């Protein structure tokens, strides 16, 4: 029997939701709506197609298929899909930018 911990529970910010402030999550976060402010997760952060983030983002992995404006720091990697649009500085040991993605900013892989 599998057990679920708080780190396994995904927080979903739905397409009709706007959050203006700080989010501090123990598990993964999926943004389908809009977040403005700061977003920190001990897990992964995914900005889904149609999702918008205008925030400082810190997470294990950050994947962007929507729009993100702000500073991003990932402990593992940042991934921008072909549909993703990112404006801001990225800091991560691994950064993947797909063909067709839009990116403007600085990259630090140190």
PDB file of N, CA and C in Angstrom:
ATOM      1  N   UNK A   1       0.842  -1.182   0.000  1.00  0.00           N
ATOM      2  CA  UNK A   1       0.000   0.000   0.000  1.00  0.00           C
ATOM      3  C   UNK A   1       0.884   1.242   0.000  1.00  0.00           C
ATOM      4  N   UNK A   2       0.606   2.152  -0.906  1.00  0.00           N
ATOM      5  CA  UNK A   2       1.377   3.394  -1.008  1.00  0.00           C
ATOM      6  C   UNK A   2       0.864   4.406   0.002  1.00  0.00           C
ATOM      7  N   UNK A   3       1.780   5.175   0.517  1.00  0.00           N
ATOM      8  CA  UNK A   3       1.378   6.242   1.427  1.00  0.00           C
ATOM      9  C   UNK A   3       1.601   7.579   0.741  1.00  0.00           C
ATOM     10  N   UNK A   4       0.796   8.535   1.099  1.00  0.00           N
ATOM     11  CA  UNK A   4       0.899   9.873   0.528  1.00  0.00           C
ATOM     12  C   UNK A   4       1.409  10.826   1.593  1.00  0.00           C
ATOM     13  N   UNK A   5       2.410  11.613   1.224  1.00  0.00           N
ATOM     14  CA  UNK A   5       2.902  12.634   2.135  1.00  0.00           C
ATOM     15  C   UNK A   5       2.539  13.996   1.568  1.00  0.00           C
ATOM     16  N   UNK A   6       2.689  15.016   2.372  1.00  0.00           N
ATOM     17  CA  UNK A   6       2.389  16.368   1.905  1.00  0.00           C
ATOM     18  C   UNK A   6       3.232  16.726   0.684  1.00  0.00           C
ATOM     19  N   UNK A   7       4.452  16.193   0.608  1.00  0.00           N
ATOM     20  CA  UNK A   7       5.319  16.501  -0.527  1.00  0.00           C
ATOM     21  C   UNK A   7       4.799  15.879  -1.815  1.00  0.00           C
ATOM     22  N   UNK A   8       3.930  14.847  -1.717  1.00  0.00           N
ATOM     23  CA  UNK A   8       3.361  14.204  -2.898  1.00  0.00           C
ATOM     24  C   UNK A   8       2.115  14.928  -3.397  1.00  0.00           C
ATOM     25  N   UNK A   9       1.478  15.719  -2.563  1.00  0.00           N
ATOM     26  CA  UNK A   9       0.226  16.377  -2.922  1.00  0.00           C
ATOM     27  C   UNK A   9       0.497  17.579  -3.821  1.00  0.00           C
ATOM     28  N   UNK A  10      -0.169  17.608  -4.973  1.00  0.00           N
ATOM     29  CA  UNK A  10       0.018  18.716  -5.910  1.00  0.00           C
ATOM     30  C   UNK A  10      -1.008  19.805  -5.642  1.00  0.00           C
ATOM     31  N   UNK A  11      -0.542  21.038  -5.627  1.00  0.00           N
ATOM     32  CA  UNK A  11      -1.423  22.197  -5.527  1.00  0.00           C
ATOM     33  C   UNK A  11      -1.709  22.675  -6.941  1.00  0.00           C
ATOM     34  N   UNK A  12      -2.993  22.787  -7.280  1.00  0.00           N
ATOM     35  CA  UNK A  12      -3.384  23.257  -8.604  1.00  0.00           C
ATOM     36  C   UNK A  12      -4.064  24.608  -8.466  1.00  0.00           C
ATOM     37  N   UNK A  13      -3.521  25.594  -9.153  1.00  0.00           N
ATOM     38  CA  UNK A  13      -4.123  26.925  -9.193  1.00  0.00           C
ATOM     39  C   UNK A  13      -4.886  26.983 -10.510  1.00  0.00           C
ATOM     40  N   UNK A  14      -6.197  26.815 -10.418  1.00  0.00           N
ATOM     41  CA  UNK A  14      -7.050  26.659 -11.589  1.00  0.00           C
ATOM     42  C   UNK A  14      -7.109  27.879 -12.484  1.00  0.00           C
ATOM     43  N   UNK A  15      -7.618  27.674 -13.685  1.00  0.00           N
ATOM     44  CA  UNK A  15      -7.623  28.713 -14.717  1.00  0.00           C
ATOM     45  C   UNK A  15      -8.455  29.937 -14.357  1.00  0.00           C
ATOM     46  N   UNK A  16      -9.367  29.816 -13.409  1.00  0.00           N
ATOM     47  CA  UNK A  16     -10.193  30.967 -13.013  1.00  0.00           C
ATOM     48  C   UNK A  16      -9.665  31.657 -11.760  1.00  0.00           C
ATOM     49  N   UNK A  17      -8.501  31.230 -11.268  1.00  0.00           N
ATOM     50  CA  UNK A  17      -7.951  31.736 -10.006  1.00  0.00           C
ATOM     51  C   UNK A  17      -6.798  32.704 -10.261  1.00  0.00           C
ATOM     52  N   UNK A  18      -6.784  33.816  -9.505  1.00  0.00           N
ATOM     53  CA  UNK A  18      -5.650  34.741  -9.476  1.00  0.00           C
ATOM     54  C   UNK A  18      -5.190  34.861  -8.035  1.00  0.00           C
ATOM     55  N   UNK A  19      -3.899  34.666  -7.801  1.00  0.00           N
ATOM     56  CA  UNK A  19      -3.321  34.820  -6.465  1.00  0.00           C
ATOM     57  C   UNK A  19      -2.297  35.939  -6.530  1.00  0.00           C
ATOM     58  N   UNK A  20      -2.462  36.931  -5.662  1.00  0.00           N
ATOM     59  CA  UNK A  20      -1.538  38.053  -5.568  1.00  0.00           C
ATOM     60  C   UNK A  20      -0.932  37.990  -4.175  1.00  0.00           C
ATOM     61  N   UNK A  21       0.335  37.564  -4.081  1.00  0.00           N
ATOM     62  CA  UNK A  21       0.974  37.418  -2.777  1.00  0.00           C
ATOM     63  C   UNK A  21       2.069  36.376  -2.839  1.00  0.00           C
ATOM     64  N   UNK A  22       2.257  35.656  -1.718  1.00  0.00           N
ATOM     65  CA  UNK A  22       3.309  34.650  -1.627  1.00  0.00           C
ATOM     66  C   UNK A  22       2.709  33.266  -1.488  1.00  0.00           C
ATOM     67  N   UNK A  23       3.279  32.314  -2.225  1.00  0.00           N
ATOM     68  CA  UNK A  23       2.902  30.911  -2.107  1.00  0.00           C
ATOM     69  C   UNK A  23       4.145  30.165  -1.662  1.00  0.00           C
ATOM     70  N   UNK A  24       4.013  29.361  -0.616  1.00  0.00           N
ATOM     71  CA  UNK A  24       5.101  28.557  -0.085  1.00  0.00           C
ATOM     72  C   UNK A  24       4.569  27.135   0.019  1.00  0.00           C
ATOM     73  N   UNK A  25       4.954  26.247  -0.899  1.00  0.00           N
ATOM     74  CA  UNK A  25       4.382  24.903  -0.966  1.00  0.00           C
ATOM     75  C   UNK A  25       5.422  23.844  -0.628  1.00  0.00           C
ATOM     76  N   UNK A  26       4.966  22.779   0.037  1.00  0.00           N
ATOM     77  CA  UNK A  26       5.845  21.649   0.332  1.00  0.00           C
ATOM     78  C   UNK A  26       5.932  20.689  -0.847  1.00  0.00           C
ATOM     79  N   UNK A  27       4.914  20.683  -1.685  1.00  0.00           N
ATOM     80  CA  UNK A  27       4.862  19.760  -2.819  1.00  0.00           C
ATOM     81  C   UNK A  27       4.796  20.501  -4.135  1.00  0.00           C
ATOM     82  N   UNK A  28       4.551  19.765  -5.218  1.00  0.00           N
ATOM     83  CA  UNK A  28       4.504  20.380  -6.546  1.00  0.00           C
ATOM     84  C   UNK A  28       3.335  21.340  -6.716  1.00  0.00           C
ATOM     85  N   UNK A  29       3.528  22.338  -7.581  1.00  0.00           N
ATOM     86  CA  UNK A  29       2.501  23.350  -7.853  1.00  0.00           C
ATOM     87  C   UNK A  29       2.281  23.419  -9.364  1.00  0.00           C
ATOM     88  N   UNK A  30       1.012  23.353  -9.771  1.00  0.00           N
ATOM     89  CA  UNK A  30       0.619  23.507 -11.179  1.00  0.00           C
ATOM     90  C   UNK A  30      -0.163  24.802 -11.298  1.00  0.00           C
ATOM     91  N   UNK A  31       0.316  25.732 -12.142  1.00  0.00           N
ATOM     92  CA  UNK A  31      -0.362  27.014 -12.333  1.00  0.00           C
ATOM     93  C   UNK A  31      -1.087  26.985 -13.676  1.00  0.00           C
ATOM     94  N   UNK A  32      -2.413  27.010 -13.600  1.00  0.00           N
ATOM     95  CA  UNK A  32      -3.244  27.108 -14.802  1.00  0.00           C
ATOM     96  C   UNK A  32      -3.897  28.486 -14.864  1.00  0.00           C
ATOM     97  N   UNK A  33      -3.878  29.191 -13.733  1.00  0.00           N
ATOM     98  CA  UNK A  33      -4.445  30.530 -13.624  1.00  0.00           C
ATOM     99  C   UNK A  33      -3.349  31.574 -13.629  1.00  0.00           C
ATOM    100  N   UNK A  34      -3.397  32.478 -12.626  1.00  0.00           N
ATOM    101  CA  UNK A  34      -2.440  33.597 -12.586  1.00  0.00           C
ATOM    102  C   UNK A  34      -1.884  33.747 -11.177  1.00  0.00           C
ATOM    103  N   UNK A  35      -0.564  33.921 -11.080  1.00  0.00           N
ATOM    104  CA  UNK A  35       0.113  34.152  -9.805  1.00  0.00           C
ATOM    105  C   UNK A  35       0.980  35.394  -9.949  1.00  0.00           C
ATOM    106  N   UNK A  36       0.848  36.319  -8.986  1.00  0.00           N
ATOM    107  CA  UNK A  36       1.658  37.530  -8.948  1.00  0.00           C
ATOM    108  C   UNK A  36       2.297  37.595  -7.568  1.00  0.00           C
ATOM    109  N   UNK A  37       3.623  37.763  -7.494  1.00  0.00           N
ATOM    110  CA  UNK A  37       4.288  37.887  -6.197  1.00  0.00           C
ATOM    111  C   UNK A  37       5.495  36.985  -6.079  1.00  0.00           C
ATOM    112  N   UNK A  38       5.413  35.982  -5.177  1.00  0.00           N
ATOM    113  CA  UNK A  38       6.494  35.016  -4.975  1.00  0.00           C
ATOM    114  C   UNK A  38       5.893  33.618  -4.943  1.00  0.00           C
ATOM    115  N   UNK A  39       6.616  32.670  -5.547  1.00  0.00           N
ATOM    116  CA  UNK A  39       6.173  31.281  -5.581  1.00  0.00           C
ATOM    117  C   UNK A  39       7.360  30.391  -5.259  1.00  0.00           C
ATOM    118  N   UNK A  40       7.292  29.737  -4.089  1.00  0.00           N
ATOM    119  CA  UNK A  40       8.356  28.828  -3.657  1.00  0.00           C
ATOM    120  C   UNK A  40       7.758  27.444  -3.447  1.00  0.00           C
ATOM    121  N   UNK A  41       8.501  26.422  -3.899  1.00  0.00           N
ATOM    122  CA  UNK A  41       8.042  25.051  -3.719  1.00  0.00           C
ATOM    123  C   UNK A  41       9.231  24.154  -3.421  1.00  0.00           C
ATOM    124  N   UNK A  42       9.043  23.221  -2.479  1.00  0.00           N
ATOM    125  CA  UNK A  42      10.060  22.206  -2.228  1.00  0.00           C
ATOM    126  C   UNK A  42      10.056  21.186  -3.365  1.00  0.00           C
ATOM    127  N   UNK A  43       8.972  21.156  -4.136  1.00  0.00           N
ATOM    128  CA  UNK A  43       8.846  20.270  -5.292  1.00  0.00           C
ATOM    129  C   UNK A  43       9.002  21.043  -6.585  1.00  0.00           C
ATOM    130  N   UNK A  44       8.259  20.609  -7.585  1.00  0.00           N
ATOM    131  CA  UNK A  44       8.327  21.221  -8.910  1.00  0.00           C
ATOM    132  C   UNK A  44       7.246  22.279  -9.081  1.00  0.00           C
ATOM    133  N   UNK A  45       7.510  23.236  -9.963  1.00  0.00           N
ATOM    134  CA  UNK A  45       6.511  24.231 -10.359  1.00  0.00           C
ATOM    135  C   UNK A  45       6.310  24.096 -11.863  1.00  0.00           C
ATOM    136  N   UNK A  46       5.046  23.961 -12.269  1.00  0.00           N
ATOM    137  CA  UNK A  46       4.695  23.879 -13.684  1.00  0.00           C
ATOM    138  C   UNK A  46       3.743  25.011 -14.019  1.00  0.00           C
ATOM    139  N   UNK A  47       4.093  25.791 -15.031  1.00  0.00           N
ATOM    140  CA  UNK A  47       3.196  26.827 -15.547  1.00  0.00           C
ATOM    141  C   UNK A  47       2.583  26.238 -16.812  1.00  0.00           C
ATOM    142  N   UNK A  48       1.324  25.845 -16.699  1.00  0.00           N
ATOM    143  CA  UNK A  48       0.632  25.158 -17.783  1.00  0.00           C
ATOM    144  C   UNK A  48       0.300  26.124 -18.919  1.00  0.00           C
ATOM    145  N   UNK A  49      -0.037  25.594 -20.094  1.00  0.00           N
ATOM    146  CA  UNK A  49      -0.498  26.440 -21.199  1.00  0.00           C
ATOM    147  C   UNK A  49      -1.680  27.261 -20.705  1.00  0.00           C
ATOM    148  N   UNK A  50      -1.654  28.548 -20.939  1.00  0.00           N
ATOM    149  CA  UNK A  50      -2.711  29.431 -20.445  1.00  0.00           C
ATOM    150  C   UNK A  50      -2.416  29.994 -19.070  1.00  0.00           C
ATOM    151  N   UNK A  51      -1.470  29.403 -18.339  1.00  0.00           N
ATOM    152  CA  UNK A  51      -1.082  29.902 -17.027  1.00  0.00           C
ATOM    153  C   UNK A  51      -0.171  31.110 -17.153  1.00  0.00           C
ATOM    154  N   UNK A  52      -0.268  32.022 -16.174  1.00  0.00           N
ATOM    155  CA  UNK A  52       0.562  33.228 -16.166  1.00  0.00           C
ATOM    156  C   UNK A  52       1.166  33.421 -14.785  1.00  0.00           C
ATOM    157  N   UNK A  53       2.464  33.651 -14.741  1.00  0.00           N
ATOM    158  CA  UNK A  53       3.162  33.897 -13.482  1.00  0.00           C
ATOM    159  C   UNK A  53       3.989  35.165 -13.641  1.00  0.00           C
ATOM    160  N   UNK A  54       3.766  36.117 -12.742  1.00  0.00           N
ATOM    161  CA  UNK A  54       4.599  37.314 -12.644  1.00  0.00           C
ATOM    162  C   UNK A  54       5.145  37.304 -11.228  1.00  0.00           C
ATOM    163  N   UNK A  55       6.264  36.588 -11.041  1.00  0.00           N
ATOM    164  CA  UNK A  55       6.742  36.343  -9.686  1.00  0.00           C
ATOM    165  C   UNK A  55       8.190  35.886  -9.685  1.00  0.00           C
ATOM    166  N   UNK A  56       8.791  35.963  -8.499  1.00  0.00           N
ATOM    167  CA  UNK A  56      10.046  35.273  -8.241  1.00  0.00           C
ATOM    168  C   UNK A  56       9.662  33.824  -7.988  1.00  0.00           C
ATOM    169  N   UNK A  57      10.340  32.894  -8.668  1.00  0.00           N
ATOM    170  CA  UNK A  57       9.997  31.479  -8.545  1.00  0.00           C
ATOM    171  C   UNK A  57      11.223  30.712  -8.077  1.00  0.00           C
ATOM    172  N   UNK A  58      11.022  29.865  -7.064  1.00  0.00           N
ATOM    173  CA  UNK A  58      12.085  29.000  -6.558  1.00  0.00           C
ATOM    174  C   UNK A  58      11.499  27.614  -6.371  1.00  0.00           C
ATOM    175  N   UNK A  59      12.142  26.597  -6.991  1.00  0.00           N
ATOM    176  CA  UNK A  59      11.612  25.238  -6.915  1.00  0.00           C
ATOM    177  C   UNK A  59      12.696  24.234  -7.286  1.00  0.00           C
ATOM    178  N   UNK A  60      12.354  22.951  -7.174  1.00  0.00           N
ATOM    179  CA  UNK A  60      13.255  21.886  -7.605  1.00  0.00           C
ATOM    180  C   UNK A  60      13.432  21.959  -9.127  1.00  0.00           C
ATOM    181  N   UNK A  61      12.320  21.876  -9.841  1.00  0.00           N
ATOM    182  CA  UNK A  61      12.297  21.998 -11.296  1.00  0.00           C
ATOM    183  C   UNK A  61      11.201  22.980 -11.667  1.00  0.00           C
ATOM    184  N   UNK A  62      11.459  23.832 -12.651  1.00  0.00           N
ATOM    185  CA  UNK A  62      10.449  24.778 -13.140  1.00  0.00           C
ATOM    186  C   UNK A  62      10.228  24.478 -14.620  1.00  0.00           C
ATOM    187  N   UNK A  63       8.982  24.149 -14.979  1.00  0.00           N
ATOM    188  CA  UNK A  63       8.616  23.866 -16.368  1.00  0.00           C
ATOM    189  C   UNK A  63       7.589  24.896 -16.812  1.00  0.00           C
ATOM    190  N   UNK A  64       7.828  25.522 -17.968  1.00  0.00           N
ATOM    191  CA  UNK A  64       6.952  26.603 -18.425  1.00  0.00           C
ATOM    192  C   UNK A  64       6.397  26.281 -19.809  1.00  0.00           C
ATOM    193  N   UNK A  65       5.067  26.150 -19.871  1.00  0.00           N
ATOM    194  CA  UNK A  65       4.362  26.008 -21.147  1.00  0.00           C
ATOM    195  C   UNK A  65       3.457  27.217 -21.367  1.00  0.00           C
ATOM    196  N   UNK A  66       3.338  28.065 -20.344  1.00  0.00           N
ATOM    197  CA  UNK A  66       2.537  29.286 -20.414  1.00  0.00           C
ATOM    198  C   UNK A  66       3.447  30.495 -20.470  1.00  0.00           C
ATOM    199  N   UNK A  67       3.125  31.512 -19.640  1.00  0.00           N
ATOM    200  CA  UNK A  67       3.908  32.760 -19.633  1.00  0.00           C
ATOM    201  C   UNK A  67       4.453  33.004 -18.236  1.00  0.00           C
ATOM    202  N   UNK A  68       5.745  33.321 -18.146  1.00  0.00           N
ATOM    203  CA  UNK A  68       6.379  33.617 -16.866  1.00  0.00           C
ATOM    204  C   UNK A  68       7.230  34.869 -17.018  1.00  0.00           C
ATOM    205  N   UNK A  69       7.033  35.825 -16.106  1.00  0.00           N
ATOM    206  CA  UNK A  69       7.851  37.031 -16.045  1.00  0.00           C
ATOM    207  C   UNK A  69       8.412  37.100 -14.631  1.00  0.00           C
ATOM    208  N   UNK A  70       9.742  37.055 -14.495  1.00  0.00           N
ATOM    209  CA  UNK A  70      10.346  37.136 -13.172  1.00  0.00           C
ATOM    210  C   UNK A  70      11.624  36.327 -13.083  1.00  0.00           C
ATOM    211  N   UNK A  71      12.243  36.389 -11.918  1.00  0.00           N
ATOM    212  CA  UNK A  71      13.480  35.669 -11.649  1.00  0.00           C
ATOM    213  C   UNK A  71      13.135  34.225 -11.290  1.00  0.00           C
ATOM    214  N   UNK A  72      13.895  33.274 -11.848  1.00  0.00           N
ATOM    215  CA  UNK A  72      13.642  31.855 -11.610  1.00  0.00           C
ATOM    216  C   UNK A  72      14.912  31.206 -11.091  1.00  0.00           C
ATOM    217  N   UNK A  73      14.779  30.467  -9.987  1.00  0.00           N
ATOM    218  CA  UNK A  73      15.891  29.679  -9.465  1.00  0.00           C
ATOM    219  C   UNK A  73      15.401  28.257  -9.252  1.00  0.00           C
ATOM    220  N   UNK A  74      16.055  27.309  -9.934  1.00  0.00           N
ATOM    221  CA  UNK A  74      15.680  25.903  -9.815  1.00  0.00           C
ATOM    222  C   UNK A  74      16.884  25.105  -9.323  1.00  0.00           C
ATOM    223  N   UNK A  75      16.642  24.203  -8.384  1.00  0.00           N
ATOM    224  CA  UNK A  75      17.726  23.380  -7.848  1.00  0.00           C
ATOM    225  C   UNK A  75      18.136  22.284  -8.837  1.00  0.00           C
ATOM    226  N   UNK A  76      17.221  21.866  -9.707  1.00  0.00           N
ATOM    227  CA  UNK A  76      17.507  20.816 -10.679  1.00  0.00           C
ATOM    228  C   UNK A  76      17.577  21.373 -12.099  1.00  0.00           C
ATOM    229  N   UNK A  77      16.430  21.863 -12.624  1.00  0.00           N
ATOM    230  CA  UNK A  77      16.443  22.379 -13.991  1.00  0.00           C
ATOM    231  C   UNK A  77      15.271  23.314 -14.255  1.00  0.00           C
ATOM    232  N   UNK A  78      15.437  24.107 -15.327  1.00  0.00           N
ATOM    233  CA  UNK A  78      14.365  24.936 -15.882  1.00  0.00           C
ATOM    234  C   UNK A  78      14.111  24.416 -17.285  1.00  0.00           C
ATOM    235  N   UNK A  79      12.832  24.229 -17.614  1.00  0.00           N
ATOM    236  CA  UNK A  79      12.466  23.761 -18.946  1.00  0.00           C
ATOM    237  C   UNK A  79      11.400  24.685 -19.524  1.00  0.00           C
ATOM    238  N   UNK A  80      11.665  25.222 -20.717  1.00  0.00           N
ATOM    239  CA  UNK A  80      10.695  26.059 -21.420  1.00  0.00           C
ATOM    240  C   UNK A  80      10.262  25.285 -22.657  1.00  0.00           C
ATOM    241  N   UNK A  81       8.977  24.940 -22.722  1.00  0.00           N
ATOM    242  CA  UNK A  81       8.467  24.175 -23.860  1.00  0.00           C
ATOM    243  C   UNK A  81       8.304  25.083 -25.074  1.00  0.00           C
ATOM    244  N   UNK A  82       7.963  24.498 -26.204  1.00  0.00           N
ATOM    245  CA  UNK A  82       7.787  25.263 -27.441  1.00  0.00           C
ATOM    246  C   UNK A  82       6.712  26.332 -27.300  1.00  0.00           C
ATOM    247  N   UNK A  83       5.729  26.102 -26.432  1.00  0.00           N
ATOM    248  CA  UNK A  83       4.646  27.063 -26.216  1.00  0.00           C
ATOM    249  C   UNK A  83       4.994  28.105 -25.159  1.00  0.00           C
ATOM    250  N   UNK A  84       6.071  27.886 -24.406  1.00  0.00           N
ATOM    251  CA  UNK A  84       6.416  28.737 -23.274  1.00  0.00           C
ATOM    252  C   UNK A  84       7.004  30.077 -23.673  1.00  0.00           C
ATOM    253  N   UNK A  85       6.717  31.097 -22.827  1.00  0.00           N
ATOM    254  CA  UNK A  85       7.265  32.442 -23.008  1.00  0.00           C
ATOM    255  C   UNK A  85       7.801  32.903 -21.658  1.00  0.00           C
ATOM    256  N   UNK A  86       9.088  33.183 -21.587  1.00  0.00           N
ATOM    257  CA  UNK A  86       9.718  33.574 -20.324  1.00  0.00           C
ATOM    258  C   UNK A  86      10.513  34.857 -20.528  1.00  0.00           C
ATOM    259  N   UNK A  87      10.311  35.806 -19.596  1.00  0.00           N
ATOM    260  CA  UNK A  87      11.109  37.025 -19.543  1.00  0.00           C
ATOM    261  C   UNK A  87      11.653  37.131 -18.126  1.00  0.00           C
ATOM    262  N   UNK A  88      12.972  37.080 -17.986  1.00  0.00           N
ATOM    263  CA  UNK A  88      13.583  37.162 -16.662  1.00  0.00           C
ATOM    264  C   UNK A  88      14.832  36.309 -16.610  1.00  0.00           C
ATOM    265  N   UNK A  89      15.556  36.414 -15.525  1.00  0.00           N
ATOM    266  CA  UNK A  89      16.804  35.683 -15.370  1.00  0.00           C
ATOM    267  C   UNK A  89      16.544  34.281 -14.841  1.00  0.00           C
ATOM    268  N   UNK A  90      17.291  33.306 -15.391  1.00  0.00           N
ATOM    269  CA  UNK A  90      17.182  31.910 -14.986  1.00  0.00           C
ATOM    270  C   UNK A  90      18.468  31.482 -14.303  1.00  0.00           C
ATOM    271  N   UNK A  91      18.328  30.754 -13.200  1.00  0.00           N
ATOM    272  CA  UNK A  91      19.488  30.189 -12.514  1.00  0.00           C
ATOM    273  C   UNK A  91      19.173  28.736 -12.193  1.00  0.00           C
ATOM    274  N   UNK A  92      19.964  27.821 -12.783  1.00  0.00           N
ATOM    275  CA  UNK A  92      19.761  26.386 -12.580  1.00  0.00           C
ATOM    276  C   UNK A  92      20.959  25.640 -13.152  1.00  0.00           C
ATOM    277  N   UNK A  93      21.243  24.435 -12.635  1.00  0.00           N
ATOM    278  CA  UNK A  93      22.344  23.662 -13.194  1.00  0.00           C
ATOM    279  C   UNK A  93      22.061  23.161 -14.614  1.00  0.00           C
ATOM    280  N   UNK A  94      20.770  22.987 -14.946  1.00  0.00           N
ATOM    281  CA  UNK A  94      20.382  22.528 -16.286  1.00  0.00           C
ATOM    282  C   UNK A  94      19.240  23.398 -16.793  1.00  0.00           C
ATOM    283  N   UNK A  95      19.344  23.824 -18.047  1.00  0.00           N
ATOM    284  CA  UNK A  95      18.301  24.654 -18.652  1.00  0.00           C
ATOM    285  C   UNK A  95      18.003  24.103 -20.040  1.00  0.00           C
ATOM    286  N   UNK A  96      16.719  23.825 -20.291  1.00  0.00           N
ATOM    287  CA  UNK A  96      16.279  23.301 -21.580  1.00  0.00           C
ATOM    288  C   UNK A  96      15.311  24.299 -22.201  1.00  0.00           C
ATOM    289  N   UNK A  97      15.615  24.762 -23.400  1.00  0.00           N
ATOM    290  CA  UNK A  97      14.741  25.692 -24.111  1.00  0.00           C
ATOM    291  C   UNK A  97      14.389  25.044 -25.446  1.00  0.00           C
ATOM    292  N   UNK A  98      13.116  24.699 -25.611  1.00  0.00           N
ATOM    293  CA  UNK A  98      12.666  23.995 -26.812  1.00  0.00           C
ATOM    294  C   UNK A  98      12.629  24.924 -28.017  1.00  0.00           C
ATOM    295  N   UNK A  99      12.743  24.325 -29.188  1.00  0.00           N
ATOM    296  CA  UNK A  99      12.600  25.060 -30.434  1.00  0.00           C
ATOM    297  C   UNK A  99      11.204  25.676 -30.470  1.00  0.00           C
ATOM    298  N   UNK A 100      11.126  26.965 -30.721  1.00  0.00           N
ATOM    299  CA  UNK A 100       9.838  27.657 -30.747  1.00  0.00           C
ATOM    300  C   UNK A 100       9.527  28.417 -29.473  1.00  0.00           C
ATOM    301  N   UNK A 101      10.236  28.112 -28.386  1.00  0.00           N
ATOM    302  CA  UNK A 101      10.028  28.828 -27.121  1.00  0.00           C
ATOM    303  C   UNK A 101      10.515  30.266 -27.265  1.00  0.00           C
ATOM    304  N   UNK A 102       9.960  31.158 -26.440  1.00  0.00           N
ATOM    305  CA  UNK A 102      10.401  32.550 -26.431  1.00  0.00           C
ATOM    306  C   UNK A 102      11.061  32.829 -25.083  1.00  0.00           C
ATOM    307  N   UNK A 103      12.288  33.367 -25.127  1.00  0.00           N
ATOM    308  CA  UNK A 103      13.009  33.658 -23.881  1.00  0.00           C
ATOM    309  C   UNK A 103      13.802  34.952 -24.028  1.00  0.00           C
ATOM    310  N   UNK A 104      13.716  35.799 -22.998  1.00  0.00           N
ATOM    311  CA  UNK A 104      14.516  37.021 -22.943  1.00  0.00           C
ATOM    312  C   UNK A 104      15.015  37.182 -21.514  1.00  0.00           C
ATOM    313  N   UNK A 105      16.340  37.199 -21.342  1.00  0.00           N
ATOM    314  CA  UNK A 105      16.911  37.352 -20.011  1.00  0.00           C
ATOM    315  C   UNK A 105      18.318  36.799 -19.965  1.00  0.00           C
ATOM    316  N   UNK A 106      18.829  36.637 -18.756  1.00  0.00           N
ATOM    317  CA  UNK A 106      20.168  36.108 -18.529  1.00  0.00           C
ATOM    318  C   UNK A 106      20.075  34.708 -17.958  1.00  0.00           C
ATOM    319  N   UNK A 107      21.113  33.906 -18.231  1.00  0.00           N
ATOM    320  CA  UNK A 107      21.170  32.532 -17.741  1.00  0.00           C
ATOM    321  C   UNK A 107      22.417  32.363 -16.894  1.00  0.00           C
ATOM    322  N   UNK A 108      22.253  31.747 -15.710  1.00  0.00           N
ATOM    323  CA  UNK A 108      23.368  31.415 -14.818  1.00  0.00           C
ATOM    324  C   UNK A 108      23.274  29.928 -14.509  1.00  0.00           C
ATOM    325  N   UNK A 109      24.245  29.163 -14.995  1.00  0.00           N
ATOM    326  CA  UNK A 109      24.251  27.723 -14.759  1.00  0.00           C
ATOM    327  C   UNK A 109      25.346  27.334 -13.766  1.00  0.00           C
ATOM    328  N   UNK A 110      25.818  28.297 -12.974  1.00  0.00           N
ATOM    329  CA  UNK A 110      26.908  28.050 -12.031  1.00  0.00           C
ATOM    330  C   UNK A 110      26.482  27.399 -10.763  1.00  0.00           C
TER     331      UNK A 110
END
